[in-house]
């Protein structure tokens, strides 16, 4: 029965690569949110520090929320 459990889980390398790629995806999503915020700042000509900071922060938090949503969806599949 132990052999069947090991086959269902997959190899340790496959699991390692899965979670490594998930970390890279999260980083890419967060950086994408950051640069989206900077782009929106430049596009809308926000020169006041208040808007400049809050739009960037909002974009990063949306990106973090998206990454968490992705993790939760991935964990429900397993």
C-alpha atoms as a PDB file:
ATOM      1  CA  UNK A   1       0.000   0.000   0.000  1.00  0.00           C
ATOM      2  CA  UNK A   2       2.924   2.333   0.582  1.00  0.00           C
ATOM      3  CA  UNK A   3       3.984   1.986  -3.043  1.00  0.00           C
ATOM      4  CA  UNK A   4       0.567   3.144  -4.224  1.00  0.00           C
ATOM      5  CA  UNK A   5       0.776   6.236  -2.012  1.00  0.00           C
ATOM      6  CA  UNK A   6       4.202   7.079  -3.392  1.00  0.00           C
ATOM      7  CA  UNK A   7       2.951   6.793  -6.966  1.00  0.00           C
ATOM      8  CA  UNK A   8       0.001   9.075  -6.217  1.00  0.00           C
ATOM      9  CA  UNK A   9       2.180  11.764  -4.672  1.00  0.00           C
ATOM     10  CA  UNK A  10       4.685  11.866  -7.521  1.00  0.00           C
ATOM     11  CA  UNK A  11       8.407  12.145  -7.286  1.00  0.00           C
ATOM     12  CA  UNK A  12      10.010  14.535  -4.792  1.00  0.00           C
ATOM     13  CA  UNK A  13      11.674  16.365  -7.682  1.00  0.00           C
ATOM     14  CA  UNK A  14       8.309  16.964  -9.359  1.00  0.00           C
ATOM     15  CA  UNK A  15       6.889  18.367  -6.113  1.00  0.00           C
ATOM     16  CA  UNK A  16       9.958  20.549  -5.602  1.00  0.00           C
ATOM     17  CA  UNK A  17       9.746  21.942  -9.132  1.00  0.00           C
ATOM     18  CA  UNK A  18       6.024  22.569  -8.758  1.00  0.00           C
ATOM     19  CA  UNK A  19       6.464  24.754  -5.686  1.00  0.00           C
ATOM     20  CA  UNK A  20       9.584  26.437  -7.040  1.00  0.00           C
ATOM     21  CA  UNK A  21       7.722  27.480 -10.156  1.00  0.00           C
ATOM     22  CA  UNK A  22       4.838  28.670  -7.979  1.00  0.00           C
ATOM     23  CA  UNK A  23       7.228  30.968  -6.104  1.00  0.00           C
ATOM     24  CA  UNK A  24       8.567  32.352  -9.370  1.00  0.00           C
ATOM     25  CA  UNK A  25       5.020  32.947 -10.603  1.00  0.00           C
ATOM     26  CA  UNK A  26       4.132  34.799  -7.399  1.00  0.00           C
ATOM     27  CA  UNK A  27       7.205  37.007  -7.759  1.00  0.00           C
ATOM     28  CA  UNK A  28       6.313  37.742 -11.390  1.00  0.00           C
ATOM     29  CA  UNK A  29       2.722  38.624 -10.427  1.00  0.00           C
ATOM     30  CA  UNK A  30       3.842  40.986  -7.653  1.00  0.00           C
ATOM     31  CA  UNK A  31       6.420  42.688  -9.884  1.00  0.00           C
ATOM     32  CA  UNK A  32       3.792  42.961 -12.606  1.00  0.00           C
ATOM     33  CA  UNK A  33       1.467  44.694 -10.135  1.00  0.00           C
ATOM     34  CA  UNK A  34       4.224  47.065  -9.105  1.00  0.00           C
ATOM     35  CA  UNK A  35       5.026  48.048 -12.679  1.00  0.00           C
ATOM     36  CA  UNK A  36       1.326  48.323 -13.496  1.00  0.00           C
ATOM     37  CA  UNK A  37       1.002  50.831 -10.668  1.00  0.00           C
ATOM     38  CA  UNK A  38       3.986  52.812 -11.940  1.00  0.00           C
ATOM     39  CA  UNK A  39       2.538  52.759 -15.458  1.00  0.00           C
ATOM     40  CA  UNK A  40      -0.833  54.021 -14.220  1.00  0.00           C
ATOM     41  CA  UNK A  41       0.918  56.792 -12.294  1.00  0.00           C
ATOM     42  CA  UNK A  42       2.747  57.971 -15.398  1.00  0.00           C
ATOM     43  CA  UNK A  43      -0.274  57.580 -17.663  1.00  0.00           C
ATOM     44  CA  UNK A  44      -2.539  59.635 -15.419  1.00  0.00           C
ATOM     45  CA  UNK A  45       0.175  62.183 -14.591  1.00  0.00           C
ATOM     46  CA  UNK A  46      -0.088  61.764 -10.850  1.00  0.00           C
ATOM     47  CA  UNK A  47       2.650  63.947  -9.489  1.00  0.00           C
ATOM     48  CA  UNK A  48       1.430  64.145  -5.907  1.00  0.00           C
ATOM     49  CA  UNK A  49       3.184  61.630  -3.670  1.00  0.00           C
ATOM     50  CA  UNK A  50      -0.136  60.553  -2.134  1.00  0.00           C
ATOM     51  CA  UNK A  51      -1.559  59.184  -5.388  1.00  0.00           C
ATOM     52  CA  UNK A  52       1.780  57.904  -6.566  1.00  0.00           C
ATOM     53  CA  UNK A  53       2.256  55.771  -3.465  1.00  0.00           C
ATOM     54  CA  UNK A  54      -1.316  54.550  -3.051  1.00  0.00           C
ATOM     55  CA  UNK A  55      -1.849  53.422  -6.629  1.00  0.00           C
ATOM     56  CA  UNK A  56       1.412  51.484  -6.524  1.00  0.00           C
ATOM     57  CA  UNK A  57       0.502  49.909  -3.193  1.00  0.00           C
ATOM     58  CA  UNK A  58      -3.005  49.047  -4.409  1.00  0.00           C
ATOM     59  CA  UNK A  59      -1.587  47.366  -7.517  1.00  0.00           C
ATOM     60  CA  UNK A  60       0.849  45.317  -5.418  1.00  0.00           C
ATOM     61  CA  UNK A  61      -1.896  44.228  -3.016  1.00  0.00           C
ATOM     62  CA  UNK A  62      -4.109  43.208  -5.929  1.00  0.00           C
ATOM     63  CA  UNK A  63      -1.198  41.191  -7.278  1.00  0.00           C
ATOM     64  CA  UNK A  64      -0.639  39.537  -3.886  1.00  0.00           C
ATOM     65  CA  UNK A  65      -4.350  38.716  -3.696  1.00  0.00           C
ATOM     66  CA  UNK A  66      -4.142  37.184  -7.157  1.00  0.00           C
ATOM     67  CA  UNK A  67      -1.135  35.076  -6.109  1.00  0.00           C
ATOM     68  CA  UNK A  68      -2.942  33.841  -2.991  1.00  0.00           C
ATOM     69  CA  UNK A  69      -5.989  33.009  -5.112  1.00  0.00           C
ATOM     70  CA  UNK A  70      -3.728  30.985  -7.402  1.00  0.00           C
ATOM     71  CA  UNK A  71      -2.176  29.100  -4.463  1.00  0.00           C
ATOM     72  CA  UNK A  72      -5.573  28.262  -3.006  1.00  0.00           C
ATOM     73  CA  UNK A  73      -6.828  27.043  -6.368  1.00  0.00           C
ATOM     74  CA  UNK A  74      -3.737  24.905  -6.821  1.00  0.00           C
ATOM     75  CA  UNK A  75      -3.989  23.405  -3.349  1.00  0.00           C
ATOM     76  CA  UNK A  76      -7.650  22.432  -3.906  1.00  0.00           C
ATOM     77  CA  UNK A  77      -6.646  20.457  -7.008  1.00  0.00           C
ATOM     78  CA  UNK A  78      -4.395  18.265  -4.885  1.00  0.00           C
END
